[in-house]
PDB file of N, CA and C in Angstrom:
ATOM      1  N   MET A   1     126.846  95.917  98.936  1.00  0.00           N
ATOM      2  CA  MET A   1     125.514  96.620  98.847  1.00  0.00           C
ATOM      3  C   MET A   1     125.444  97.587  97.967  1.00  0.00           C
ATOM      4  N   LEU A   2     126.457  98.672  97.724  1.00  0.00           N
ATOM      5  CA  LEU A   2     126.382  99.635  97.145  1.00  0.00           C
ATOM      6  C   LEU A   2     126.346  99.067  95.560  1.00  0.00           C
ATOM      7  N   TYR A   3     127.253  98.189  95.124  1.00  0.00           N
ATOM      8  CA  TYR A   3     127.059  97.535  93.651  1.00  0.00           C
ATOM      9  C   TYR A   3     125.625  97.160  93.406  1.00  0.00           C
ATOM     10  N   LEU A   4     125.023  96.225  94.546  1.00  0.00           N
ATOM     11  CA  LEU A   4     123.782  95.986  93.962  1.00  0.00           C
ATOM     12  C   LEU A   4     123.204  97.085  93.913  1.00  0.00           C
ATOM     13  N   LYS A   5     123.292  98.336  94.522  1.00  0.00           N
ATOM     14  CA  LYS A   5     122.157  99.119  94.170  1.00  0.00           C
ATOM     15  C   LYS A   5     122.409  99.755  92.688  1.00  0.00           C
ATOM     16  N   PHE A   6     123.689  99.936  92.429  1.00  0.00           N
ATOM     17  CA  PHE A   6     124.153 100.337  91.176  1.00  0.00           C
ATOM     18  C   PHE A   6     123.501  99.652  90.052  1.00  0.00           C
ATOM     19  N   ILE A   7     123.518  98.406  90.301  1.00  0.00           N
ATOM     20  CA  ILE A   7     123.250  97.399  89.318  1.00  0.00           C
ATOM     21  C   ILE A   7     121.688  97.202  89.000  1.00  0.00           C
ATOM     22  N   LEU A   8     121.110  97.262  90.004  1.00  0.00           N
ATOM     23  CA  LEU A   8     119.618  97.192  89.997  1.00  0.00           C
ATOM     24  C   LEU A   8     118.870  98.488  89.593  1.00  0.00           C
ATOM     25  N   SER A   9     119.516  99.777  90.162  1.00  0.00           N
ATOM     26  CA  SER A   9     119.123 101.048  89.383  1.00  0.00           C
ATOM     27  C   SER A   9     119.241 101.355  88.210  1.00  0.00           C
ATOM     28  N   ALA A  10     120.571 100.828  87.609  1.00  0.00           N
ATOM     29  CA  ALA A  10     120.927 101.101  86.320  1.00  0.00           C
ATOM     30  C   ALA A  10     120.186 100.274  85.235  1.00  0.00           C
ATOM     31  N   GLY A  11     119.716  99.197  85.829  1.00  0.00           N
ATOM     32  CA  GLY A  11     119.023  97.933  84.929  1.00  0.00           C
ATOM     33  C   GLY A  11     117.563  98.636  84.802  1.00  0.00           C
ATOM     34  N   ILE A  12     117.372  99.161  85.610  1.00  0.00           N
ATOM     35  CA  ILE A  12     115.661  99.936  85.616  1.00  0.00           C
ATOM     36  C   ILE A  12     116.033 100.799  84.450  1.00  0.00           C
ATOM     37  N   ILE A  13     116.899 101.890  84.413  1.00  0.00           N
ATOM     38  CA  ILE A  13     116.892 103.216  83.895  1.00  0.00           C
ATOM     39  C   ILE A  13     116.828 102.395  82.396  1.00  0.00           C
ATOM     40  N   VAL A  14     118.207 101.406  82.295  1.00  0.00           N
ATOM     41  CA  VAL A  14     118.482 101.219  80.793  1.00  0.00           C
ATOM     42  C   VAL A  14     117.181 100.186  80.153  1.00  0.00           C
ATOM     43  N   GLY A  15     116.274  99.723  81.110  1.00  0.00           N
ATOM     44  CA  GLY A  15     115.112  98.692  80.517  1.00  0.00           C
ATOM     45  C   GLY A  15     114.157  99.833  80.031  1.00  0.00           C
ATOM     46  N   ALA A  16     113.576 100.928  81.060  1.00  0.00           N
ATOM     47  CA  ALA A  16     112.856 101.845  80.672  1.00  0.00           C
ATOM     48  C   ALA A  16     113.250 102.506  79.228  1.00  0.00           C
ATOM     49  N   SER A  17     114.637 102.849  79.042  1.00  0.00           N
ATOM     50  CA  SER A  17     114.938 103.538  77.963  1.00  0.00           C
ATOM     51  C   SER A  17     115.024 102.092  76.544  1.00  0.00           C
ATOM     52  N   GLU A  18     114.921 101.145  76.777  1.00  0.00           N
ATOM     53  CA  GLU A  18     115.131 100.362  75.675  1.00  0.00           C
ATOM     54  C   GLU A  18     113.380 100.148  75.478  1.00  0.00           C
ATOM     55  N   LEU A  19     112.429 100.134  76.499  1.00  0.00           N
ATOM     56  CA  LEU A  19     111.213  99.690  76.101  1.00  0.00           C
ATOM     57  C   LEU A  19     110.459 100.945  75.692  1.00  0.00           C
ATOM     58  N   ALA A  20     111.128 102.307  75.987  1.00  0.00           N
ATOM     59  CA  ALA A  20     110.585 103.454  75.216  1.00  0.00           C
ATOM     60  C   ALA A  20     110.912 103.352  73.663  1.00  0.00           C
ATOM     61  N   LYS A  21     112.020 102.890  73.410  1.00  0.00           N
ATOM     62  CA  LYS A  21     112.343 102.559  71.915  1.00  0.00           C
ATOM     63  C   LYS A  21     111.568 101.943  70.987  1.00  0.00           C
ATOM     64  N   ARG A  22     110.832 100.892  71.682  1.00  0.00           N
ATOM     65  CA  ARG A  22     110.099  99.727  71.003  1.00  0.00           C
ATOM     66  C   ARG A  22     108.545 100.207  71.373  1.00  0.00           C
ATOM     67  N   ASN A  23     108.169 100.784  72.567  1.00  0.00           N
ATOM     68  CA  ASN A  23     106.729 100.803  72.752  1.00  0.00           C
ATOM     69  C   ASN A  23     106.684 102.497  73.687  1.00  0.00           C
ATOM     70  N   LEU A  24     106.056 103.554  72.930  1.00  0.00           N
ATOM     71  CA  LEU A  24     106.320 104.650  73.791  1.00  0.00           C
ATOM     72  C   LEU A  24     105.340 104.567  74.829  1.00  0.00           C
ATOM     73  N   VAL A  25     104.054 103.805  74.861  1.00  0.00           N
ATOM     74  CA  VAL A  25     102.935 103.821  76.025  1.00  0.00           C
ATOM     75  C   VAL A  25     103.603 103.131  77.276  1.00  0.00           C
ATOM     76  N   TRP A  26     104.323 102.065  76.947  1.00  0.00           N
ATOM     77  CA  TRP A  26     104.742 100.983  77.984  1.00  0.00           C
ATOM     78  C   TRP A  26     106.274 101.690  78.292  1.00  0.00           C
ATOM     79  N   GLY A  27     106.927 102.447  77.520  1.00  0.00           N
ATOM     80  CA  GLY A  27     108.140 102.977  78.252  1.00  0.00           C
ATOM     81  C   GLY A  27     107.780 104.379  79.167  1.00  0.00           C
ATOM     82  N   ALA A  28     106.754 105.128  78.608  1.00  0.00           N
ATOM     83  CA  ALA A  28     106.109 105.999  79.564  1.00  0.00           C
ATOM     84  C   ALA A  28     105.566 105.400  80.685  1.00  0.00           C
ATOM     85  N   LEU A  29     104.808 104.476  80.685  1.00  0.00           N
ATOM     86  CA  LEU A  29     104.306 104.083  82.120  1.00  0.00           C
ATOM     87  C   LEU A  29     105.305 103.606  82.694  1.00  0.00           C
ATOM     88  N   LEU A  30     106.186 102.824  82.404  1.00  0.00           N
ATOM     89  CA  LEU A  30     107.538 102.419  83.218  1.00  0.00           C
ATOM     90  C   LEU A  30     108.297 103.620  83.949  1.00  0.00           C
ATOM     91  N   CYS A  31     108.552 104.743  82.844  1.00  0.00           N
ATOM     92  CA  CYS A  31     108.938 105.768  83.559  1.00  0.00           C
ATOM     93  C   CYS A  31     108.305 106.744  84.397  1.00  0.00           C
ATOM     94  N   ALA A  32     106.807 106.588  84.267  1.00  0.00           N
ATOM     95  CA  ALA A  32     105.822 107.204  85.254  1.00  0.00           C
ATOM     96  C   ALA A  32     105.661 106.270  86.572  1.00  0.00           C
ATOM     97  N   LEU A  33     105.959 105.272  86.501  1.00  0.00           N
ATOM     98  CA  LEU A  33     105.975 104.750  87.878  1.00  0.00           C
ATOM     99  C   LEU A  33     107.009 104.975  88.915  1.00  0.00           C
ATOM    100  N   PRO A  34     106.518 105.481  90.227  1.00  0.00           N
ATOM    101  CA  PRO A  34     107.607 105.831  91.337  1.00  0.00           C
ATOM    102  C   PRO A  34     108.818 105.094  91.348  1.00  0.00           C
ATOM    103  N   LEU A  35     109.573 104.185  90.397  1.00  0.00           N
ATOM    104  CA  LEU A  35     110.781 103.491  90.869  1.00  0.00           C
ATOM    105  C   LEU A  35     111.914 103.906  91.321  1.00  0.00           C
ATOM    106  N   THR A  36     112.159 104.991  91.100  1.00  0.00           N
ATOM    107  CA  THR A  36     113.085 105.836  91.799  1.00  0.00           C
ATOM    108  C   THR A  36     112.799 105.818  93.406  1.00  0.00           C
ATOM    109  N   SER A  37     111.771 106.463  93.469  1.00  0.00           N
ATOM    110  CA  SER A  37     111.080 106.469  94.872  1.00  0.00           C
ATOM    111  C   SER A  37     110.995 105.384  95.536  1.00  0.00           C
ATOM    112  N   ILE A  38     110.671 103.973  95.260  1.00  0.00           N
ATOM    113  CA  ILE A  38     110.440 102.711  96.069  1.00  0.00           C
ATOM    114  C   ILE A  38     111.879 102.482  96.248  1.00  0.00           C
ATOM    115  N   LEU A  39     112.699 102.386  95.319  1.00  0.00           N
ATOM    116  CA  LEU A  39     113.980 102.173  95.398  1.00  0.00           C
ATOM    117  C   LEU A  39     114.910 102.740  96.384  1.00  0.00           C
ATOM    118  N   THR A  40     114.946 104.105  96.560  1.00  0.00           N
ATOM    119  CA  THR A  40     115.128 104.972  97.697  1.00  0.00           C
ATOM    120  C   THR A  40     114.784 104.557  98.924  1.00  0.00           C
ATOM    121  N   MET A  41     113.368 104.565  99.073  1.00  0.00           N
ATOM    122  CA  MET A  41     112.962 104.120 100.274  1.00  0.00           C
ATOM    123  C   MET A  41     113.183 102.544 100.807  1.00  0.00           C
ATOM    124  N   SER A  42     113.517 101.731  99.710  1.00  0.00           N
ATOM    125  CA  SER A  42     113.610 100.577  99.804  1.00  0.00           C
ATOM    126  C   SER A  42     115.139 100.223 100.427  1.00  0.00           C
ATOM    127  N   TRP A  43     115.928 100.771  99.663  1.00  0.00           N
ATOM    128  CA  TRP A  43     117.488 100.829 100.132  1.00  0.00           C
ATOM    129  C   TRP A  43     117.488 101.342 101.668  1.00  0.00           C
ATOM    130  N   THR A  44     116.973 102.747 101.852  1.00  0.00           N
ATOM    131  CA  THR A  44     116.907 103.242 102.938  1.00  0.00           C
ATOM    132  C   THR A  44     116.772 102.527 104.206  1.00  0.00           C
ATOM    133  N   TRP A  45     115.473 101.695 103.989  1.00  0.00           N
ATOM    134  CA  TRP A  45     114.651 100.758 104.817  1.00  0.00           C
ATOM    135  C   TRP A  45     115.747  99.715 105.122  1.00  0.00           C
ATOM    136  N   VAL A  46     116.599  99.097 104.132  1.00  0.00           N
ATOM    137  CA  VAL A  46     117.246  98.141 104.257  1.00  0.00           C
ATOM    138  C   VAL A  46     118.490  98.300 105.029  1.00  0.00           C
ATOM    139  N   GLU A  47     118.906  99.664 104.933  1.00  0.00           N
ATOM    140  CA  GLU A  47     120.073 100.213 105.719  1.00  0.00           C
ATOM    141  C   GLU A  47     119.648 100.763 107.149  1.00  0.00           C
ATOM    142  N   THR A  48     118.557 101.440 107.236  1.00  0.00           N
ATOM    143  CA  THR A  48     118.141 101.948 108.635  1.00  0.00           C
ATOM    144  C   THR A  48     116.613 101.771 108.732  1.00  0.00           C
ATOM    145  N   PRO A  49     116.135 100.673 109.073  1.00  0.00           N
ATOM    146  CA  PRO A  49     114.876 100.249 109.174  1.00  0.00           C
ATOM    147  C   PRO A  49     114.169 101.262 110.520  1.00  0.00           C
ATOM    148  N   ASP A  50     113.987 102.339 109.759  1.00  0.00           N
ATOM    149  CA  ASP A  50     113.125 103.491 110.780  1.00  0.00           C
ATOM    150  C   ASP A  50     111.783 103.821 110.062  1.00  0.00           C
ATOM    151  N   PRO A  51     110.917 103.317 110.513  1.00  0.00           N
ATOM    152  CA  PRO A  51     109.228 103.721 109.881  1.00  0.00           C
ATOM    153  C   PRO A  51     109.357 105.283 110.234  1.00  0.00           C
ATOM    154  N   SER A  52     109.654 106.032 110.727  1.00  0.00           N
ATOM    155  CA  SER A  52     109.464 107.501 111.111  1.00  0.00           C
ATOM    156  C   SER A  52     110.493 108.203 109.729  1.00  0.00           C
ATOM    157  N   ARG A  53     111.454 107.822 109.278  1.00  0.00           N
ATOM    158  CA  ARG A  53     112.300 108.159 108.289  1.00  0.00           C
ATOM    159  C   ARG A  53     111.940 107.847 107.066  1.00  0.00           C
ATOM    160  N   ILE A  54     111.425 106.739 106.799  1.00  0.00           N
ATOM    161  CA  ILE A  54     110.503 106.132 105.558  1.00  0.00           C
ATOM    162  C   ILE A  54     109.398 107.127 105.401  1.00  0.00           C
ATOM    163  N   SER A  55     108.696 107.246 106.341  1.00  0.00           N
ATOM    164  CA  SER A  55     107.259 108.278 106.518  1.00  0.00           C
ATOM    165  C   SER A  55     107.785 109.597 105.707  1.00  0.00           C
ATOM    166  N   ALA A  56     108.877 110.438 106.545  1.00  0.00           N
ATOM    167  CA  ALA A  56     109.233 111.693 106.028  1.00  0.00           C
ATOM    168  C   ALA A  56     109.852 111.559 104.880  1.00  0.00           C
ATOM    169  N   LEU A  57     110.213 110.698 104.365  1.00  0.00           N
ATOM    170  CA  LEU A  57     110.945 110.500 102.720  1.00  0.00           C
ATOM    171  C   LEU A  57     110.018 110.540 101.968  1.00  0.00           C
ATOM    172  N   SER A  58     108.644 109.766 102.187  1.00  0.00           N
ATOM    173  CA  SER A  58     107.547 109.625 101.476  1.00  0.00           C
ATOM    174  C   SER A  58     106.912 110.845 101.333  1.00  0.00           C
ATOM    175  N   ILE A  59     106.819 111.833 102.444  1.00  0.00           N
ATOM    176  CA  ILE A  59     105.960 113.031 102.287  1.00  0.00           C
ATOM    177  C   ILE A  59     106.777 113.772 101.528  1.00  0.00           C
ATOM    178  N   SER A  60     108.293 114.132 101.641  1.00  0.00           N
ATOM    179  CA  SER A  60     108.945 114.757 101.143  1.00  0.00           C
ATOM    180  C   SER A  60     108.880 114.696  99.596  1.00  0.00           C
ATOM    181  N   ILE A  61     109.036 113.562  99.129  1.00  0.00           N
ATOM    182  CA  ILE A  61     109.220 112.897  97.693  1.00  0.00           C
ATOM    183  C   ILE A  61     107.556 113.596  97.277  1.00  0.00           C
ATOM    184  N   LEU A  62     106.544 113.351  98.119  1.00  0.00           N
ATOM    185  CA  LEU A  62     105.044 113.758  97.560  1.00  0.00           C
ATOM    186  C   LEU A  62     105.396 115.093  97.304  1.00  0.00           C
ATOM    187  N   ALA A  63     105.880 115.814  98.106  1.00  0.00           N
ATOM    188  CA  ALA A  63     105.914 117.524  98.026  1.00  0.00           C
ATOM    189  C   ALA A  63     106.527 117.934  96.975  1.00  0.00           C
ATOM    190  N   TYR A  64     107.697 117.220  96.481  1.00  0.00           N
ATOM    191  CA  TYR A  64     108.415 117.567  95.274  1.00  0.00           C
ATOM    192  C   TYR A  64     107.974 117.128  94.143  1.00  0.00           C
ATOM    193  N   THR A  65     107.082 116.308  94.010  1.00  0.00           N
ATOM    194  CA  THR A  65     106.591 115.665  92.639  1.00  0.00           C
ATOM    195  C   THR A  65     105.666 116.630  92.204  1.00  0.00           C
ATOM    196  N   VAL A  66     105.146 117.783  92.998  1.00  0.00           N
ATOM    197  CA  VAL A  66     104.114 118.566  92.280  1.00  0.00           C
ATOM    198  C   VAL A  66     105.065 119.933  91.279  1.00  0.00           C
ATOM    199  N   PRO A  67     106.402 120.275  91.905  1.00  0.00           N
ATOM    200  CA  PRO A  67     106.948 121.385  91.116  1.00  0.00           C
ATOM    201  C   PRO A  67     107.543 120.558  89.690  1.00  0.00           C
ATOM    202  N   SER A  68     108.136 119.085  90.034  1.00  0.00           N
ATOM    203  CA  SER A  68     108.770 118.552  88.659  1.00  0.00           C
ATOM    204  C   SER A  68     107.765 118.516  87.787  1.00  0.00           C
ATOM    205  N   LEU A  69     106.467 118.631  87.692  1.00  0.00           N
ATOM    206  CA  LEU A  69     105.488 118.457  87.039  1.00  0.00           C
ATOM    207  C   LEU A  69     105.675 119.776  86.003  1.00  0.00           C
ATOM    208  N   VAL A  70     106.412 120.920  86.103  1.00  0.00           N
ATOM    209  CA  VAL A  70     106.739 121.617  85.442  1.00  0.00           C
ATOM    210  C   VAL A  70     107.205 121.177  84.139  1.00  0.00           C
ATOM    211  N   LEU A  71     108.424 120.491  84.310  1.00  0.00           N
ATOM    212  CA  LEU A  71     109.200 120.118  83.075  1.00  0.00           C
ATOM    213  C   LEU A  71     108.360 119.261  82.053  1.00  0.00           C
ATOM    214  N   PHE A  72     107.580 118.399  82.586  1.00  0.00           N
ATOM    215  CA  PHE A  72     106.652 117.630  81.718  1.00  0.00           C
ATOM    216  C   PHE A  72     105.796 118.731  81.067  1.00  0.00           C
ATOM    217  N   ILE A  73     105.223 119.592  81.493  1.00  0.00           N
ATOM    218  CA  ILE A  73     104.433 120.700  80.817  1.00  0.00           C
ATOM    219  C   ILE A  73     105.097 121.382  79.907  1.00  0.00           C
ATOM    220  N   ILE A  74     106.239 122.310  80.259  1.00  0.00           N
ATOM    221  CA  ILE A  74     107.064 122.729  79.356  1.00  0.00           C
ATOM    222  C   ILE A  74     107.710 122.569  78.346  1.00  0.00           C
ATOM    223  N   LEU A  75     108.418 121.358  78.432  1.00  0.00           N
ATOM    224  CA  LEU A  75     109.125 120.510  77.284  1.00  0.00           C
ATOM    225  C   LEU A  75     108.040 120.046  76.296  1.00  0.00           C
ATOM    226  N   PRO A  76     107.206 119.542  76.311  1.00  0.00           N
ATOM    227  CA  PRO A  76     106.288 119.238  74.872  1.00  0.00           C
ATOM    228  C   PRO A  76     106.202 120.706  74.283  1.00  0.00           C
ATOM    229  N   ILE A  77     105.598 121.685  75.213  1.00  0.00           N
ATOM    230  CA  ILE A  77     105.566 122.871  74.446  1.00  0.00           C
ATOM    231  C   ILE A  77     106.457 123.371  73.608  1.00  0.00           C
ATOM    232  N   LEU A  78     107.740 123.523  74.495  1.00  0.00           N
ATOM    233  CA  LEU A  78     109.037 123.993  73.564  1.00  0.00           C
ATOM    234  C   LEU A  78     109.198 123.407  72.390  1.00  0.00           C
ATOM    235  N   LEU A  79     109.181 122.196  72.351  1.00  0.00           N
ATOM    236  CA  LEU A  79     109.448 121.357  71.371  1.00  0.00           C
ATOM    237  C   LEU A  79     108.308 121.389  70.276  1.00  0.00           C
ATOM    238  N   ARG A  80     106.759 121.696  70.840  1.00  0.00           N
ATOM    239  CA  ARG A  80     106.049 121.769  69.468  1.00  0.00           C
ATOM    240  C   ARG A  80     106.126 123.367  68.793  1.00  0.00           C
ATOM    241  N   VAL A  81     106.557 123.997  69.557  1.00  0.00           N
ATOM    242  CA  VAL A  81     106.940 125.381  68.890  1.00  0.00           C
ATOM    243  C   VAL A  81     108.109 125.544  68.240  1.00  0.00           C
ATOM    244  N   GLY A  82     108.908 124.661  67.941  1.00  0.00           N
ATOM    245  CA  GLY A  82     109.746 124.378  66.907  1.00  0.00           C
ATOM    246  C   GLY A  82     111.487 124.438  67.780  1.00  0.00           C
ATOM    247  N   LEU A  83     111.370 124.421  69.127  1.00  0.00           N
ATOM    248  CA  LEU A  83     112.775 124.457  69.849  1.00  0.00           C
ATOM    249  C   LEU A  83     113.466 123.012  69.647  1.00  0.00           C
ATOM    250  N   SER A  84     114.594 122.903  69.066  1.00  0.00           N
ATOM    251  CA  SER A  84     114.840 121.430  69.141  1.00  0.00           C
ATOM    252  C   SER A  84     115.280 120.923  70.537  1.00  0.00           C
ATOM    253  N   TYR A  85     115.397 119.395  70.543  1.00  0.00           N
ATOM    254  CA  TYR A  85     115.620 119.082  71.986  1.00  0.00           C
ATOM    255  C   TYR A  85     116.568 119.496  73.117  1.00  0.00           C
ATOM    256  N   TRP A  86     117.738 119.624  72.887  1.00  0.00           N
ATOM    257  CA  TRP A  86     118.522 119.902  73.920  1.00  0.00           C
ATOM    258  C   TRP A  86     118.285 121.441  74.325  1.00  0.00           C
ATOM    259  N   PRO A  87     118.183 122.393  73.353  1.00  0.00           N
ATOM    260  CA  PRO A  87     117.792 123.668  74.240  1.00  0.00           C
ATOM    261  C   PRO A  87     116.323 123.684  74.726  1.00  0.00           C
ATOM    262  N   ALA A  88     115.328 122.935  74.397  1.00  0.00           N
ATOM    263  CA  ALA A  88     113.955 122.970  75.049  1.00  0.00           C
ATOM    264  C   ALA A  88     114.115 122.177  76.419  1.00  0.00           C
ATOM    265  N   LEU A  89     115.264 121.298  76.510  1.00  0.00           N
ATOM    266  CA  LEU A  89     115.393 120.496  77.637  1.00  0.00           C
ATOM    267  C   LEU A  89     115.772 121.323  78.747  1.00  0.00           C
ATOM    268  N   VAL A  90     117.182 122.162  78.103  1.00  0.00           N
ATOM    269  CA  VAL A  90     117.989 122.852  79.268  1.00  0.00           C
ATOM    270  C   VAL A  90     116.880 123.911  79.674  1.00  0.00           C
ATOM    271  N   CYS A  91     116.304 124.503  78.678  1.00  0.00           N
ATOM    272  CA  CYS A  91     115.211 125.569  79.079  1.00  0.00           C
ATOM    273  C   CYS A  91     113.858 124.931  80.276  1.00  0.00           C
ATOM    274  N   ALA A  92     113.472 123.779  79.963  1.00  0.00           N
ATOM    275  CA  ALA A  92     112.655 123.336  80.788  1.00  0.00           C
ATOM    276  C   ALA A  92     113.115 123.012  82.057  1.00  0.00           C
ATOM    277  N   CYS A  93     114.304 122.395  82.305  1.00  0.00           N
ATOM    278  CA  CYS A  93     115.167 122.214  83.248  1.00  0.00           C
ATOM    279  C   CYS A  93     115.237 123.645  84.202  1.00  0.00           C
ATOM    280  N   LEU A  94     115.512 124.529  83.697  1.00  0.00           N
ATOM    281  CA  LEU A  94     115.883 125.704  84.204  1.00  0.00           C
ATOM    282  C   LEU A  94     114.624 126.385  84.923  1.00  0.00           C
ATOM    283  N   LEU A  95     113.634 126.056  84.052  1.00  0.00           N
ATOM    284  CA  LEU A  95     112.361 126.873  84.544  1.00  0.00           C
ATOM    285  C   LEU A  95     111.970 125.683  85.834  1.00  0.00           C
ATOM    286  N   THR A  96     112.002 124.532  85.512  1.00  0.00           N
ATOM    287  CA  THR A  96     111.749 123.650  86.822  1.00  0.00           C
ATOM    288  C   THR A  96     112.433 123.905  88.056  1.00  0.00           C
ATOM    289  N   ALA A  97     113.805 124.030  87.675  1.00  0.00           N
ATOM    290  CA  ALA A  97     114.536 124.616  88.625  1.00  0.00           C
ATOM    291  C   ALA A  97     113.783 125.977  89.570  1.00  0.00           C
ATOM    292  N   GLY A  98     113.602 126.759  88.710  1.00  0.00           N
ATOM    293  CA  GLY A  98     113.062 128.229  89.408  1.00  0.00           C
ATOM    294  C   GLY A  98     111.713 127.849  90.042  1.00  0.00           C
ATOM    295  N   PHE A  99     110.814 126.895  89.287  1.00  0.00           N
ATOM    296  CA  PHE A  99     109.646 126.738  90.268  1.00  0.00           C
ATOM    297  C   PHE A  99     110.158 126.207  91.537  1.00  0.00           C
ATOM    298  N   TYR A 100     110.827 125.071  91.514  1.00  0.00           N
ATOM    299  CA  TYR A 100     111.517 124.390  93.029  1.00  0.00           C
ATOM    300  C   TYR A 100     111.798 125.644  93.891  1.00  0.00           C
ATOM    301  N   ARG A 101     112.604 126.439  93.241  1.00  0.00           N
ATOM    302  CA  ARG A 101     112.837 127.380  94.371  1.00  0.00           C
ATOM    303  C   ARG A 101     111.791 128.204  94.786  1.00  0.00           C
ATOM    304  N   LEU A 102     110.870 128.562  93.913  1.00  0.00           N
ATOM    305  CA  LEU A 102     109.973 129.185  94.290  1.00  0.00           C
ATOM    306  C   LEU A 102     108.717 128.311  95.373  1.00  0.00           C
ATOM    307  N   CYS A 103     108.952 127.211  95.398  1.00  0.00           N
ATOM    308  CA  CYS A 103     108.035 126.225  95.845  1.00  0.00           C
ATOM    309  C   CYS A 103     108.853 125.829  97.335  1.00  0.00           C
ATOM    310  N   ASP A 104     109.950 126.150  97.280  1.00  0.00           N
ATOM    311  CA  ASP A 104     110.823 125.515  98.371  1.00  0.00           C
ATOM    312  C   ASP A 104     110.423 125.902  99.698  1.00  0.00           C
ATOM    313  N   PRO A 105     110.151 127.280 100.044  1.00  0.00           N
ATOM    314  CA  PRO A 105     109.888 127.663 101.407  1.00  0.00           C
ATOM    315  C   PRO A 105     108.625 126.974 101.832  1.00  0.00           C
ATOM    316  N   LEU A 106     107.682 127.010 100.698  1.00  0.00           N
ATOM    317  CA  LEU A 106     106.171 126.413 101.081  1.00  0.00           C
ATOM    318  C   LEU A 106     106.450 124.740 101.526  1.00  0.00           C
ATOM    319  N   ILE A 107     107.155 124.175 100.758  1.00  0.00           N
ATOM    320  CA  ILE A 107     107.542 122.479 100.920  1.00  0.00           C
ATOM    321  C   ILE A 107     108.196 122.297 102.327  1.00  0.00           C
ATOM    322  N   THR A 108     109.245 123.105 102.721  1.00  0.00           N
ATOM    323  CA  THR A 108     110.011 122.939 103.651  1.00  0.00           C
ATOM    324  C   THR A 108     108.985 123.130 104.760  1.00  0.00           C
ATOM    325  N   LYS A 109     108.361 124.049 104.927  1.00  0.00           N
ATOM    326  CA  LYS A 109     107.241 124.248 105.934  1.00  0.00           C
ATOM    327  C   LYS A 109     106.449 123.316 106.031  1.00  0.00           C
ATOM    328  N   TRP A 110     106.026 122.763 105.023  1.00  0.00           N
ATOM    329  CA  TRP A 110     104.970 121.432 104.773  1.00  0.00           C
ATOM    330  C   TRP A 110     105.448 120.561 105.533  1.00  0.00           C
ATOM    331  N   THR A 111     106.788 119.853 105.040  1.00  0.00           N
ATOM    332  CA  THR A 111     107.363 118.669 105.412  1.00  0.00           C
ATOM    333  C   THR A 111     107.939 118.872 106.582  1.00  0.00           C
ATOM    334  N   ALA A 112     107.793 119.849 107.369  1.00  0.00           N
ATOM    335  CA  ALA A 112     108.830 119.996 108.709  1.00  0.00           C
ATOM    336  C   ALA A 112     107.979 119.259 109.759  1.00  0.00           C
TER     337      ALA A 112
END
């Protein structure tokens, strides 16, 4: 089962990357789909078919989606002001991690 998870999950990531090289709109759309969440919930369901576990996972994913948006706001701003990609990505990731840390007490309370 673990090999199947790797192959399917890696195939989706490679597919999104290849699609983005050919068509930014379709590549972005594929990346914007909650494929990781769907795969995680599906693999969890296959291994432990527990509706309450899937429900809790789904709510937690929703809660952590909001802070993750910081990355997609900060990265293009840093690139537009002239920062090169890798430093911009590191800065955006650090700011996103900081925002996760700020939001974590609220998210933990909300998802409990």
